[in-house]
PDB file of N, CA and C in Angstrom:
ATOM      1  N   UNK A   1     121.799  85.512  82.364  1.00  0.00           N
ATOM      2  CA  UNK A   1     120.562  86.275  82.305  1.00  0.00           C
ATOM      3  C   UNK A   1     120.767  87.608  83.010  1.00  0.00           C
ATOM      4  N   UNK A   2     120.427  88.691  82.337  1.00  0.00           N
ATOM      5  CA  UNK A   2     120.595  90.022  82.906  1.00  0.00           C
ATOM      6  C   UNK A   2     119.318  90.419  83.640  1.00  0.00           C
ATOM      7  N   UNK A   3     119.465  90.672  84.934  1.00  0.00           N
ATOM      8  CA  UNK A   3     118.327  91.090  85.749  1.00  0.00           C
ATOM      9  C   UNK A   3     118.668  92.442  86.362  1.00  0.00           C
ATOM     10  N   UNK A   4     117.917  93.454  85.937  1.00  0.00           N
ATOM     11  CA  UNK A   4     118.151  94.809  86.422  1.00  0.00           C
ATOM     12  C   UNK A   4     116.828  95.375  86.917  1.00  0.00           C
ATOM     13  N   UNK A   5     116.849  95.971  88.101  1.00  0.00           N
ATOM     14  CA  UNK A   5     115.678  96.597  88.716  1.00  0.00           C
ATOM     15  C   UNK A   5     114.517  95.609  88.843  1.00  0.00           C
ATOM     16  N   UNK A   6     114.844  94.338  89.082  1.00  0.00           N
ATOM     17  CA  UNK A   6     113.811  93.336  89.272  1.00  0.00           C
ATOM     18  C   UNK A   6     113.174  92.840  87.982  1.00  0.00           C
ATOM     19  N   UNK A   7     113.737  93.190  86.838  1.00  0.00           N
ATOM     20  CA  UNK A   7     113.186  92.804  85.542  1.00  0.00           C
ATOM     21  C   UNK A   7     114.217  91.965  84.795  1.00  0.00           C
ATOM     22  N   UNK A   8     113.787  90.839  84.241  1.00  0.00           N
ATOM     23  CA  UNK A   8     114.649  90.046  83.373  1.00  0.00           C
ATOM     24  C   UNK A   8     114.615  90.676  81.982  1.00  0.00           C
ATOM     25  N   UNK A   9     115.768  91.102  81.504  1.00  0.00           N
ATOM     26  CA  UNK A   9     115.826  91.729  80.186  1.00  0.00           C
ATOM     27  C   UNK A   9     115.744  90.655  79.105  1.00  0.00           C
ATOM     28  N   UNK A  10     115.066  90.955  77.978  1.00  0.00           N
ATOM     29  CA  UNK A  10     114.992  89.986  76.878  1.00  0.00           C
ATOM     30  C   UNK A  10     116.383  89.720  76.311  1.00  0.00           C
ATOM     31  N   UNK A  11     116.791  88.460  76.246  1.00  0.00           N
ATOM     32  CA  UNK A  11     118.161  88.084  75.913  1.00  0.00           C
ATOM     33  C   UNK A  11     118.556  88.359  74.470  1.00  0.00           C
ATOM     34  N   UNK A  12     117.659  88.232  73.538  1.00  0.00           N
ATOM     35  CA  UNK A  12     118.012  88.290  72.122  1.00  0.00           C
ATOM     36  C   UNK A  12     117.852  89.686  71.518  1.00  0.00           C
ATOM     37  N   UNK A  13     117.676  90.690  72.357  1.00  0.00           N
ATOM     38  CA  UNK A  13     117.547  92.067  71.857  1.00  0.00           C
ATOM     39  C   UNK A  13     118.791  92.857  72.206  1.00  0.00           C
ATOM     40  N   UNK A  14     118.983  93.960  71.471  1.00  0.00           N
ATOM     41  CA  UNK A  14     120.098  94.838  71.782  1.00  0.00           C
ATOM     42  C   UNK A  14     119.834  95.489  73.141  1.00  0.00           C
ATOM     43  N   UNK A  15     120.905  95.864  73.819  1.00  0.00           N
ATOM     44  CA  UNK A  15     120.768  96.387  75.177  1.00  0.00           C
ATOM     45  C   UNK A  15     119.957  97.675  75.206  1.00  0.00           C
ATOM     46  N   UNK A  16     120.078  98.517  74.160  1.00  0.00           N
ATOM     47  CA  UNK A  16     119.300  99.761  74.153  1.00  0.00           C
ATOM     48  C   UNK A  16     117.807  99.480  74.042  1.00  0.00           C
ATOM     49  N   UNK A  17     117.425  98.370  73.404  1.00  0.00           N
ATOM     50  CA  UNK A  17     116.016  97.990  73.304  1.00  0.00           C
ATOM     51  C   UNK A  17     115.599  97.207  74.541  1.00  0.00           C
ATOM     52  N   UNK A  18     116.477  96.358  75.041  1.00  0.00           N
ATOM     53  CA  UNK A  18     116.167  95.547  76.210  1.00  0.00           C
ATOM     54  C   UNK A  18     115.929  96.378  77.464  1.00  0.00           C
ATOM     55  N   UNK A  19     116.657  97.468  77.609  1.00  0.00           N
ATOM     56  CA  UNK A  19     116.482  98.327  78.788  1.00  0.00           C
ATOM     57  C   UNK A  19     115.106  98.979  78.819  1.00  0.00           C
ATOM     58  N   UNK A  20     114.469  99.128  77.662  1.00  0.00           N
ATOM     59  CA  UNK A  20     113.140  99.750  77.639  1.00  0.00           C
ATOM     60  C   UNK A  20     112.080  98.845  78.250  1.00  0.00           C
ATOM     61  N   UNK A  21     112.418  97.594  78.562  1.00  0.00           N
ATOM     62  CA  UNK A  21     111.483  96.708  79.259  1.00  0.00           C
ATOM     63  C   UNK A  21     111.295  97.161  80.706  1.00  0.00           C
ATOM     64  N   UNK A  22     112.201  97.995  81.196  1.00  0.00           N
ATOM     65  CA  UNK A  22     112.102  98.514  82.559  1.00  0.00           C
ATOM     66  C   UNK A  22     111.217  99.744  82.539  1.00  0.00           C
ATOM     67  N   UNK A  23     110.210  99.776  83.416  1.00  0.00           N
ATOM     68  CA  UNK A  23     109.276 100.892  83.478  1.00  0.00           C
ATOM     69  C   UNK A  23     110.032 102.160  83.867  1.00  0.00           C
ATOM     70  N   UNK A  24     109.905 103.191  83.056  1.00  0.00           N
ATOM     71  CA  UNK A  24     110.574 104.457  83.336  1.00  0.00           C
ATOM     72  C   UNK A  24     111.809 104.681  82.493  1.00  0.00           C
ATOM     73  N   UNK A  25     112.187 103.693  81.671  1.00  0.00           N
ATOM     74  CA  UNK A  25     113.342 103.851  80.783  1.00  0.00           C
ATOM     75  C   UNK A  25     112.854 103.726  79.351  1.00  0.00           C
ATOM     76  N   UNK A  26     113.021 104.797  78.599  1.00  0.00           N
ATOM     77  CA  UNK A  26     112.655 104.807  77.194  1.00  0.00           C
ATOM     78  C   UNK A  26     113.897 104.676  76.333  1.00  0.00           C
ATOM     79  N   UNK A  27     113.742 104.909  75.044  1.00  0.00           N
ATOM     80  CA  UNK A  27     114.852 104.725  74.116  1.00  0.00           C
ATOM     81  C   UNK A  27     115.985 105.709  74.371  1.00  0.00           C
ATOM     82  N   UNK A  28     115.663 106.971  74.565  1.00  0.00           N
ATOM     83  CA  UNK A  28     116.714 107.973  74.778  1.00  0.00           C
ATOM     84  C   UNK A  28     117.443 107.742  76.104  1.00  0.00           C
ATOM     85  N   UNK A  29     116.709 107.458  77.155  1.00  0.00           N
ATOM     86  CA  UNK A  29     117.336 107.236  78.462  1.00  0.00           C
ATOM     87  C   UNK A  29     118.197 105.976  78.435  1.00  0.00           C
ATOM     88  N   UNK A  30     117.763 104.953  77.697  1.00  0.00           N
ATOM     89  CA  UNK A  30     118.551 103.724  77.584  1.00  0.00           C
ATOM     90  C   UNK A  30     119.868 104.002  76.868  1.00  0.00           C
ATOM     91  N   UNK A  31     119.818 104.811  75.826  1.00  0.00           N
ATOM     92  CA  UNK A  31     121.033 105.151  75.077  1.00  0.00           C
ATOM     93  C   UNK A  31     122.005 105.939  75.964  1.00  0.00           C
ATOM     94  N   UNK A  32     121.469 106.881  76.726  1.00  0.00           N
ATOM     95  CA  UNK A  32     122.309 107.674  77.624  1.00  0.00           C
ATOM     96  C   UNK A  32     122.932 106.811  78.716  1.00  0.00           C
ATOM     97  N   UNK A  33     122.157 105.867  79.262  1.00  0.00           N
ATOM     98  CA  UNK A  33     122.676 104.982  80.297  1.00  0.00           C
ATOM     99  C   UNK A  33     123.813 104.121  79.763  1.00  0.00           C
ATOM    100  N   UNK A  34     123.644 103.618  78.528  1.00  0.00           N
ATOM    101  CA  UNK A  34     124.702 102.802  77.917  1.00  0.00           C
ATOM    102  C   UNK A  34     125.974 103.628  77.722  1.00  0.00           C
ATOM    103  N   UNK A  35     125.811 104.880  77.301  1.00  0.00           N
ATOM    104  CA  UNK A  35     126.976 105.734  77.081  1.00  0.00           C
ATOM    105  C   UNK A  35     127.701 106.019  78.401  1.00  0.00           C
ATOM    106  N   UNK A  36     126.936 106.312  79.466  1.00  0.00           N
ATOM    107  CA  UNK A  36     127.545 106.603  80.759  1.00  0.00           C
ATOM    108  C   UNK A  36     128.247 105.385  81.343  1.00  0.00           C
ATOM    109  N   UNK A  37     127.664 104.198  81.093  1.00  0.00           N
ATOM    110  CA  UNK A  37     128.244 102.967  81.643  1.00  0.00           C
ATOM    111  C   UNK A  37     129.376 102.440  80.776  1.00  0.00           C
ATOM    112  N   UNK A  38     129.562 103.021  79.613  1.00  0.00           N
ATOM    113  CA  UNK A  38     130.618 102.580  78.724  1.00  0.00           C
ATOM    114  C   UNK A  38     130.327 101.244  78.065  1.00  0.00           C
ATOM    115  N   UNK A  39     129.042 101.011  77.759  1.00  0.00           N
ATOM    116  CA  UNK A  39     128.614  99.763  77.133  1.00  0.00           C
ATOM    117  C   UNK A  39     128.168 100.070  75.707  1.00  0.00           C
ATOM    118  N   UNK A  40     128.568  99.235  74.754  1.00  0.00           N
ATOM    119  CA  UNK A  40     128.127  99.392  73.375  1.00  0.00           C
ATOM    120  C   UNK A  40     126.636  99.096  73.318  1.00  0.00           C
ATOM    121  N   UNK A  41     125.821 100.090  72.903  1.00  0.00           N
ATOM    122  CA  UNK A  41     124.372  99.927  72.952  1.00  0.00           C
ATOM    123  C   UNK A  41     123.815  98.993  71.873  1.00  0.00           C
ATOM    124  N   UNK A  42     124.648  98.577  70.912  1.00  0.00           N
ATOM    125  CA  UNK A  42     124.177  97.637  69.902  1.00  0.00           C
ATOM    126  C   UNK A  42     124.474  96.189  70.285  1.00  0.00           C
ATOM    127  N   UNK A  43     125.106  95.995  71.419  1.00  0.00           N
ATOM    128  CA  UNK A  43     125.442  94.659  71.896  1.00  0.00           C
ATOM    129  C   UNK A  43     124.177  93.951  72.383  1.00  0.00           C
ATOM    130  N   UNK A  44     124.085  92.652  72.155  1.00  0.00           N
ATOM    131  CA  UNK A  44     122.930  91.881  72.612  1.00  0.00           C
ATOM    132  C   UNK A  44     123.000  91.698  74.128  1.00  0.00           C
ATOM    133  N   UNK A  45     121.864  91.564  74.748  1.00  0.00           N
ATOM    134  CA  UNK A  45     121.800  91.414  76.200  1.00  0.00           C
ATOM    135  C   UNK A  45     122.522  90.144  76.634  1.00  0.00           C
ATOM    136  N   UNK A  46     122.385  89.073  75.868  1.00  0.00           N
ATOM    137  CA  UNK A  46     123.014  87.799  76.255  1.00  0.00           C
ATOM    138  C   UNK A  46     124.542  87.858  76.190  1.00  0.00           C
ATOM    139  N   UNK A  47     125.101  88.814  75.430  1.00  0.00           N
ATOM    140  CA  UNK A  47     126.545  88.937  75.283  1.00  0.00           C
ATOM    141  C   UNK A  47     127.191  89.862  76.312  1.00  0.00           C
ATOM    142  N   UNK A  48     126.408  90.448  77.207  1.00  0.00           N
ATOM    143  CA  UNK A  48     126.952  91.355  78.214  1.00  0.00           C
ATOM    144  C   UNK A  48     127.753  90.585  79.250  1.00  0.00           C
ATOM    145  N   UNK A  49     128.834  91.193  79.692  1.00  0.00           N
ATOM    146  CA  UNK A  49     129.602  90.596  80.781  1.00  0.00           C
ATOM    147  C   UNK A  49     128.977  91.005  82.109  1.00  0.00           C
ATOM    148  N   UNK A  50     129.352  90.313  83.167  1.00  0.00           N
ATOM    149  CA  UNK A  50     128.822  90.619  84.494  1.00  0.00           C
ATOM    150  C   UNK A  50     129.219  92.031  84.926  1.00  0.00           C
ATOM    151  N   UNK A  51     130.421  92.455  84.547  1.00  0.00           N
ATOM    152  CA  UNK A  51     130.894  93.800  84.888  1.00  0.00           C
ATOM    153  C   UNK A  51     130.028  94.862  84.206  1.00  0.00           C
ATOM    154  N   UNK A  52     129.703  94.649  82.933  1.00  0.00           N
ATOM    155  CA  UNK A  52     128.866  95.615  82.201  1.00  0.00           C
ATOM    156  C   UNK A  52     127.469  95.693  82.802  1.00  0.00           C
ATOM    157  N   UNK A  53     126.920  94.546  83.187  1.00  0.00           N
ATOM    158  CA  UNK A  53     125.588  94.533  83.809  1.00  0.00           C
ATOM    159  C   UNK A  53     125.621  95.302  85.124  1.00  0.00           C
ATOM    160  N   UNK A  54     126.686  95.112  85.901  1.00  0.00           N
ATOM    161  CA  UNK A  54     126.806  95.832  87.177  1.00  0.00           C
ATOM    162  C   UNK A  54     126.917  97.333  86.970  1.00  0.00           C
ATOM    163  N   UNK A  55     127.687  97.753  85.953  1.00  0.00           N
ATOM    164  CA  UNK A  55     127.808  99.196  85.668  1.00  0.00           C
ATOM    165  C   UNK A  55     126.462  99.779  85.249  1.00  0.00           C
ATOM    166  N   UNK A  56     125.708  99.052  84.435  1.00  0.00           N
ATOM    167  CA  UNK A  56     124.377  99.519  84.037  1.00  0.00           C
ATOM    168  C   UNK A  56     123.452  99.606  85.254  1.00  0.00           C
ATOM    169  N   UNK A  57     123.497  98.590  86.096  1.00  0.00           N
ATOM    170  CA  UNK A  57     122.655  98.558  87.290  1.00  0.00           C
ATOM    171  C   UNK A  57     122.958  99.746  88.195  1.00  0.00           C
ATOM    172  N   UNK A  58     124.240 100.043  88.387  1.00  0.00           N
ATOM    173  CA  UNK A  58     124.634 101.178  89.236  1.00  0.00           C
ATOM    174  C   UNK A  58     124.203 102.505  88.614  1.00  0.00           C
ATOM    175  N   UNK A  59     124.319 102.603  87.287  1.00  0.00           N
ATOM    176  CA  UNK A  59     123.882 103.821  86.605  1.00  0.00           C
ATOM    177  C   UNK A  59     122.396 104.061  86.751  1.00  0.00           C
ATOM    178  N   UNK A  60     121.620 103.002  86.660  1.00  0.00           N
ATOM    179  CA  UNK A  60     120.160 103.127  86.799  1.00  0.00           C
ATOM    180  C   UNK A  60     119.798 103.504  88.228  1.00  0.00           C
ATOM    181  N   UNK A  61     120.445 102.894  89.206  1.00  0.00           N
ATOM    182  CA  UNK A  61     120.165 103.225  90.604  1.00  0.00           C
ATOM    183  C   UNK A  61     120.551 104.666  90.926  1.00  0.00           C
ATOM    184  N   UNK A  62     121.641 105.150  90.322  1.00  0.00           N
ATOM    185  CA  UNK A  62     122.089 106.516  90.582  1.00  0.00           C
ATOM    186  C   UNK A  62     121.181 107.546  89.914  1.00  0.00           C
ATOM    187  N   UNK A  63     120.616 107.202  88.758  1.00  0.00           N
ATOM    188  CA  UNK A  63     119.782 108.141  87.993  1.00  0.00           C
ATOM    189  C   UNK A  63     118.517 108.537  88.737  1.00  0.00           C
ATOM    190  N   UNK A  64     117.847 107.560  89.344  1.00  0.00           N
ATOM    191  CA  UNK A  64     116.610 107.917  90.037  1.00  0.00           C
ATOM    192  C   UNK A  64     115.582 106.823  89.973  1.00  0.00           C
ATOM    193  N   UNK A  65     114.327 107.225  89.970  1.00  0.00           N
ATOM    194  CA  UNK A  65     113.229 106.293  90.113  1.00  0.00           C
ATOM    195  C   UNK A  65     112.978 105.475  88.845  1.00  0.00           C
ATOM    196  N   UNK A  66     112.790 104.182  89.022  1.00  0.00           N
ATOM    197  CA  UNK A  66     112.322 103.283  87.969  1.00  0.00           C
ATOM    198  C   UNK A  66     111.446 102.221  88.631  1.00  0.00           C
ATOM    199  N   UNK A  67     110.692 101.504  87.827  1.00  0.00           N
ATOM    200  CA  UNK A  67     109.833 100.401  88.259  1.00  0.00           C
ATOM    201  C   UNK A  67     108.938 100.781  89.434  1.00  0.00           C
ATOM    202  N   UNK A  68     109.008 100.067  90.553  1.00  0.00           N
ATOM    203  CA  UNK A  68     108.053 100.195  91.649  1.00  0.00           C
ATOM    204  C   UNK A  68     107.926 101.601  92.204  1.00  0.00           C
ATOM    205  N   UNK A  69     109.059 102.269  92.423  1.00  0.00           N
ATOM    206  CA  UNK A  69     109.021 103.625  92.978  1.00  0.00           C
ATOM    207  C   UNK A  69     108.298 104.581  92.037  1.00  0.00           C
ATOM    208  N   UNK A  70     108.597 104.482  90.744  1.00  0.00           N
ATOM    209  CA  UNK A  70     107.979 105.375  89.765  1.00  0.00           C
ATOM    210  C   UNK A  70     106.495 105.068  89.611  1.00  0.00           C
ATOM    211  N   UNK A  71     106.140 103.782  89.565  1.00  0.00           N
ATOM    212  CA  UNK A  71     104.723 103.398  89.480  1.00  0.00           C
ATOM    213  C   UNK A  71     103.949 103.930  90.681  1.00  0.00           C
ATOM    214  N   UNK A  72     104.554 103.823  91.870  1.00  0.00           N
ATOM    215  CA  UNK A  72     103.901 104.290  93.093  1.00  0.00           C
ATOM    216  C   UNK A  72     103.707 105.800  93.048  1.00  0.00           C
ATOM    217  N   UNK A  73     104.712 106.519  92.551  1.00  0.00           N
ATOM    218  CA  UNK A  73     104.611 107.974  92.479  1.00  0.00           C
ATOM    219  C   UNK A  73     103.509 108.408  91.509  1.00  0.00           C
ATOM    220  N   UNK A  74     103.441 107.764  90.344  1.00  0.00           N
ATOM    221  CA  UNK A  74     102.403 108.097  89.354  1.00  0.00           C
ATOM    222  C   UNK A  74     101.025 107.798  89.932  1.00  0.00           C
ATOM    223  N   UNK A  75     100.891 106.667  90.610  1.00  0.00           N
ATOM    224  CA  UNK A  75      99.619 106.292  91.217  1.00  0.00           C
ATOM    225  C   UNK A  75      99.202 107.296  92.290  1.00  0.00           C
ATOM    226  N   UNK A  76     100.163 107.765  93.072  1.00  0.00           N
ATOM    227  CA  UNK A  76      99.861 108.758  94.107  1.00  0.00           C
ATOM    228  C   UNK A  76      99.444 110.087  93.486  1.00  0.00           C
ATOM    229  N   UNK A  77     100.070 110.465  92.365  1.00  0.00           N
ATOM    230  CA  UNK A  77      99.692 111.703  91.688  1.00  0.00           C
ATOM    231  C   UNK A  77      98.254 111.631  91.192  1.00  0.00           C
ATOM    232  N   UNK A  78      97.878 110.497  90.613  1.00  0.00           N
ATOM    233  CA  UNK A  78      96.504 110.330  90.119  1.00  0.00           C
ATOM    234  C   UNK A  78      95.535 110.338  91.290  1.00  0.00           C
ATOM    235  N   UNK A  79      95.889 109.649  92.375  1.00  0.00           N
ATOM    236  CA  UNK A  79      95.022 109.607  93.556  1.00  0.00           C
ATOM    237  C   UNK A  79      94.817 111.009  94.127  1.00  0.00           C
ATOM    238  N   UNK A  80      95.883 111.819  94.136  1.00  0.00           N
ATOM    239  CA  UNK A  80      95.775 113.202  94.629  1.00  0.00           C
ATOM    240  C   UNK A  80      94.809 114.005  93.773  1.00  0.00           C
ATOM    241  N   UNK A  81      94.899 113.854  92.438  1.00  0.00           N
ATOM    242  CA  UNK A  81      93.986 114.569  91.545  1.00  0.00           C
ATOM    243  C   UNK A  81      92.535 114.170  91.802  1.00  0.00           C
ATOM    244  N   UNK A  82      92.315 112.887  92.064  1.00  0.00           N
ATOM    245  CA  UNK A  82      90.953 112.414  92.333  1.00  0.00           C
ATOM    246  C   UNK A  82      90.444 112.987  93.651  1.00  0.00           C
ATOM    247  N   UNK A  83      91.303 113.021  94.675  1.00  0.00           N
ATOM    248  CA  UNK A  83      90.887 113.500  95.993  1.00  0.00           C
ATOM    249  C   UNK A  83      90.539 114.975  95.996  1.00  0.00           C
ATOM    250  N   UNK A  84      91.299 115.793  95.253  1.00  0.00           N
ATOM    251  CA  UNK A  84      91.004 117.226  95.256  1.00  0.00           C
ATOM    252  C   UNK A  84      89.887 117.567  94.278  1.00  0.00           C
ATOM    253  N   UNK A  85      89.385 116.561  93.580  1.00  0.00           N
ATOM    254  CA  UNK A  85      88.237 116.674  92.684  1.00  0.00           C
ATOM    255  C   UNK A  85      88.423 117.728  91.604  1.00  0.00           C
ATOM    256  N   UNK A  86      89.628 117.798  91.069  1.00  0.00           N
ATOM    257  CA  UNK A  86      89.836 118.692  89.937  1.00  0.00           C
ATOM    258  C   UNK A  86      89.313 118.009  88.673  1.00  0.00           C
ATOM    259  N   UNK A  87      89.283 118.727  87.574  1.00  0.00           N
ATOM    260  CA  UNK A  87      88.728 118.187  86.326  1.00  0.00           C
ATOM    261  C   UNK A  87      89.456 116.921  85.905  1.00  0.00           C
ATOM    262  N   UNK A  88      90.779 116.947  85.942  1.00  0.00           N
ATOM    263  CA  UNK A  88      91.548 115.766  85.546  1.00  0.00           C
ATOM    264  C   UNK A  88      91.251 114.584  86.458  1.00  0.00           C
ATOM    265  N   UNK A  89      91.055 114.853  87.742  1.00  0.00           N
ATOM    266  CA  UNK A  89      90.715 113.792  88.683  1.00  0.00           C
ATOM    267  C   UNK A  89      89.368 113.165  88.382  1.00  0.00           C
ATOM    268  N   UNK A  90      88.398 114.009  88.020  1.00  0.00           N
ATOM    269  CA  UNK A  90      87.074 113.492  87.662  1.00  0.00           C
ATOM    270  C   UNK A  90      87.145 112.627  86.414  1.00  0.00           C
ATOM    271  N   UNK A  91      87.961 113.040  85.434  1.00  0.00           N
ATOM    272  CA  UNK A  91      88.121 112.243  84.212  1.00  0.00           C
ATOM    273  C   UNK A  91      88.767 110.896  84.527  1.00  0.00           C
ATOM    274  N   UNK A  92      89.749 110.895  85.434  1.00  0.00           N
ATOM    275  CA  UNK A  92      90.361 109.630  85.839  1.00  0.00           C
ATOM    276  C   UNK A  92      89.325 108.736  86.512  1.00  0.00           C
ATOM    277  N   UNK A  93      88.522 109.315  87.407  1.00  0.00           N
ATOM    278  CA  UNK A  93      87.549 108.527  88.155  1.00  0.00           C
ATOM    279  C   UNK A  93      86.517 107.898  87.227  1.00  0.00           C
ATOM    280  N   UNK A  94      86.120 108.612  86.181  1.00  0.00           N
ATOM    281  CA  UNK A  94      85.103 108.099  85.248  1.00  0.00           C
ATOM    282  C   UNK A  94      85.688 107.281  84.104  1.00  0.00           C
ATOM    283  N   UNK A  95      86.997 107.070  84.121  1.00  0.00           N
ATOM    284  CA  UNK A  95      87.685 106.323  83.056  1.00  0.00           C
ATOM    285  C   UNK A  95      87.416 106.916  81.678  1.00  0.00           C
ATOM    286  N   UNK A  96      87.576 108.223  81.592  1.00  0.00           N
ATOM    287  CA  UNK A  96      87.437 108.937  80.326  1.00  0.00           C
ATOM    288  C   UNK A  96      88.791 109.557  79.984  1.00  0.00           C
ATOM    289  N   UNK A  97      88.998 109.965  78.724  1.00  0.00           N
ATOM    290  CA  UNK A  97      90.271 110.604  78.361  1.00  0.00           C
ATOM    291  C   UNK A  97      90.516 111.850  79.202  1.00  0.00           C
ATOM    292  N   UNK A  98      91.758 112.049  79.601  1.00  0.00           N
ATOM    293  CA  UNK A  98      92.112 113.097  80.549  1.00  0.00           C
ATOM    294  C   UNK A  98      92.613 114.353  79.848  1.00  0.00           C
ATOM    295  N   UNK A  99      93.237 114.207  78.694  1.00  0.00           N
ATOM    296  CA  UNK A  99      93.965 115.312  78.089  1.00  0.00           C
ATOM    297  C   UNK A  99      93.200 116.035  76.988  1.00  0.00           C
ATOM    298  N   UNK A 100      91.882 116.132  77.101  1.00  0.00           N
ATOM    299  CA  UNK A 100      91.117 116.974  76.203  1.00  0.00           C
ATOM    300  C   UNK A 100      90.700 116.340  74.888  1.00  0.00           C
ATOM    301  N   UNK A 101      90.862 115.023  74.740  1.00  0.00           N
ATOM    302  CA  UNK A 101      90.459 114.391  73.489  1.00  0.00           C
ATOM    303  C   UNK A 101      88.933 114.342  73.401  1.00  0.00           C
ATOM    304  N   UNK A 102      88.439 114.235  72.180  1.00  0.00           N
ATOM    305  CA  UNK A 102      86.998 114.174  71.984  1.00  0.00           C
ATOM    306  C   UNK A 102      86.485 112.788  72.356  1.00  0.00           C
ATOM    307  N   UNK A 103      85.233 112.738  72.814  1.00  0.00           N
ATOM    308  CA  UNK A 103      84.650 111.454  73.171  1.00  0.00           C
ATOM    309  C   UNK A 103      83.338 111.184  72.443  1.00  0.00           C
ATOM    310  N   UNK A 104      82.870 112.148  71.651  1.00  0.00           N
ATOM    311  CA  UNK A 104      81.633 111.920  70.900  1.00  0.00           C
ATOM    312  C   UNK A 104      81.809 110.725  69.988  1.00  0.00           C
ATOM    313  N   UNK A 105      82.934 110.698  69.299  1.00  0.00           N
ATOM    314  CA  UNK A 105      83.335 109.498  68.575  1.00  0.00           C
ATOM    315  C   UNK A 105      84.714 109.122  69.102  1.00  0.00           C
ATOM    316  N   UNK A 106      85.150 107.937  68.836  1.00  0.00           N
ATOM    317  CA  UNK A 106      86.469 107.448  69.270  1.00  0.00           C
ATOM    318  C   UNK A 106      86.534 107.283  70.791  1.00  0.00           C
ATOM    319  N   UNK A 107      87.715 107.227  71.342  1.00  0.00           N
ATOM    320  CA  UNK A 107      87.974 106.984  72.774  1.00  0.00           C
ATOM    321  C   UNK A 107      87.486 105.612  73.204  1.00  0.00           C
ATOM    322  N   UNK A 108      87.401 104.663  72.271  1.00  0.00           N
ATOM    323  CA  UNK A 108      86.887 103.339  72.608  1.00  0.00           C
ATOM    324  C   UNK A 108      87.825 102.582  73.539  1.00  0.00           C
ATOM    325  N   UNK A 109      89.124 102.820  73.449  1.00  0.00           N
ATOM    326  CA  UNK A 109      90.057 102.116  74.315  1.00  0.00           C
ATOM    327  C   UNK A 109      89.789 102.482  75.766  1.00  0.00           C
ATOM    328  N   UNK A 110      89.579 103.748  76.019  1.00  0.00           N
ATOM    329  CA  UNK A 110      89.380 104.218  77.384  1.00  0.00           C
ATOM    330  C   UNK A 110      87.961 103.930  77.878  1.00  0.00           C
ATOM    331  N   UNK A 111      86.956 104.098  76.996  1.00  0.00           N
ATOM    332  CA  UNK A 111      85.572 103.942  77.397  1.00  0.00           C
ATOM    333  C   UNK A 111      85.105 102.492  77.403  1.00  0.00           C
ATOM    334  N   UNK A 112      85.790 101.634  76.656  1.00  0.00           N
ATOM    335  CA  UNK A 112      85.391 100.234  76.593  1.00  0.00           C
ATOM    336  C   UNK A 112      84.464  99.986  75.421  1.00  0.00           C
ATOM    337  N   UNK A 113      83.995  98.746  75.281  1.00  0.00           N
ATOM    338  CA  UNK A 113      83.139  98.429  74.139  1.00  0.00           C
ATOM    339  C   UNK A 113      81.816  99.185  74.194  1.00  0.00           C
ATOM    340  N   UNK A 114      81.244  99.391  73.020  1.00  0.00           N
ATOM    341  CA  UNK A 114      79.978 100.126  72.944  1.00  0.00           C
ATOM    342  C   UNK A 114      78.880  99.355  73.655  1.00  0.00           C
ATOM    343  N   UNK A 115      78.018 100.099  74.296  1.00  0.00           N
ATOM    344  CA  UNK A 115      76.850  99.495  74.928  1.00  0.00           C
ATOM    345  C   UNK A 115      75.668  99.776  74.018  1.00  0.00           C
ATOM    346  N   UNK A 116      74.922  98.758  73.711  1.00  0.00           N
ATOM    347  CA  UNK A 116      73.772  98.936  72.826  1.00  0.00           C
ATOM    348  C   UNK A 116      72.706  99.790  73.482  1.00  0.00           C
ATOM    349  N   UNK A 117      72.050 100.641  72.694  1.00  0.00           N
ATOM    350  CA  UNK A 117      71.006 101.505  73.233  1.00  0.00           C
ATOM    351  C   UNK A 117      69.776 100.681  73.600  1.00  0.00           C
ATOM    352  N   UNK A 118      69.475  99.677  72.799  1.00  0.00           N
ATOM    353  CA  UNK A 118      68.323  98.820  73.036  1.00  0.00           C
ATOM    354  C   UNK A 118      68.839  97.403  73.211  1.00  0.00           C
ATOM    355  N   UNK A 119      68.312  96.718  74.189  1.00  0.00           N
ATOM    356  CA  UNK A 119      68.740  95.346  74.409  1.00  0.00           C
ATOM    357  C   UNK A 119      68.363  94.497  73.201  1.00  0.00           C
ATOM    358  N   UNK A 120      69.253  93.632  72.803  1.00  0.00           N
ATOM    359  CA  UNK A 120      68.970  92.796  71.637  1.00  0.00           C
ATOM    360  C   UNK A 120      67.983  91.709  72.019  1.00  0.00           C
ATOM    361  N   UNK A 121      67.006  91.500  71.152  1.00  0.00           N
ATOM    362  CA  UNK A 121      65.975  90.498  71.420  1.00  0.00           C
ATOM    363  C   UNK A 121      66.334  89.206  70.720  1.00  0.00           C
ATOM    364  N   UNK A 122      66.152  88.116  71.412  1.00  0.00           N
ATOM    365  CA  UNK A 122      66.403  86.819  70.799  1.00  0.00           C
ATOM    366  C   UNK A 122      65.197  86.428  69.952  1.00  0.00           C
ATOM    367  N   UNK A 123      65.484  85.875  68.800  1.00  0.00           N
ATOM    368  CA  UNK A 123      64.390  85.437  67.928  1.00  0.00           C
ATOM    369  C   UNK A 123      63.748  84.196  68.516  1.00  0.00           C
ATOM    370  N   UNK A 124      62.441  84.205  68.542  1.00  0.00           N
ATOM    371  CA  UNK A 124      61.698  83.067  69.063  1.00  0.00           C
ATOM    372  C   UNK A 124      61.564  82.064  67.935  1.00  0.00           C
ATOM    373  N   UNK A 125      62.055  80.880  68.195  1.00  0.00           N
ATOM    374  CA  UNK A 125      62.001  79.858  67.149  1.00  0.00           C
ATOM    375  C   UNK A 125      60.581  79.290  67.096  1.00  0.00           C
ATOM    376  N   UNK A 126      60.126  79.101  65.889  1.00  0.00           N
ATOM    377  CA  UNK A 126      58.783  78.547  65.684  1.00  0.00           C
ATOM    378  C   UNK A 126      58.775  77.072  66.088  1.00  0.00           C
ATOM    379  N   UNK A 127      57.812  76.698  66.916  1.00  0.00           N
ATOM    380  CA  UNK A 127      57.733  75.310  67.376  1.00  0.00           C
ATOM    381  C   UNK A 127      56.779  74.550  66.480  1.00  0.00           C
ATOM    382  N   UNK A 128      57.102  73.327  66.192  1.00  0.00           N
ATOM    383  CA  UNK A 128      56.247  72.520  65.336  1.00  0.00           C
ATOM    384  C   UNK A 128      55.492  71.500  66.107  1.00  0.00           C
TER     385      UNK A 128
END
């Protein structure tokens, strides 16, 4: 089992796809890491040798932030925007789209389910 940066990589996927399970590594960065480590990026994760896993692990550690460190940095950036009360910070605080998207329609993922304007009334059943 390949465990890199505290994440168990999916065994039945190619290494270039499996590395994307790590927060902060996308498809291009995974391909570059495989090239630097000298690992065939089409190889399955379960077929990697211990030496190849170690080279990948060292390459990721040398490159910079991934997983916890990167999550913490992003969270601190958002917190800073909220504290200085800039427009983007206010949008984060209200859970609205941050990058200028329209909200008159759409934005349901960010805003959540629609709230009814009028409370729905239950039908009173006729008693016999």
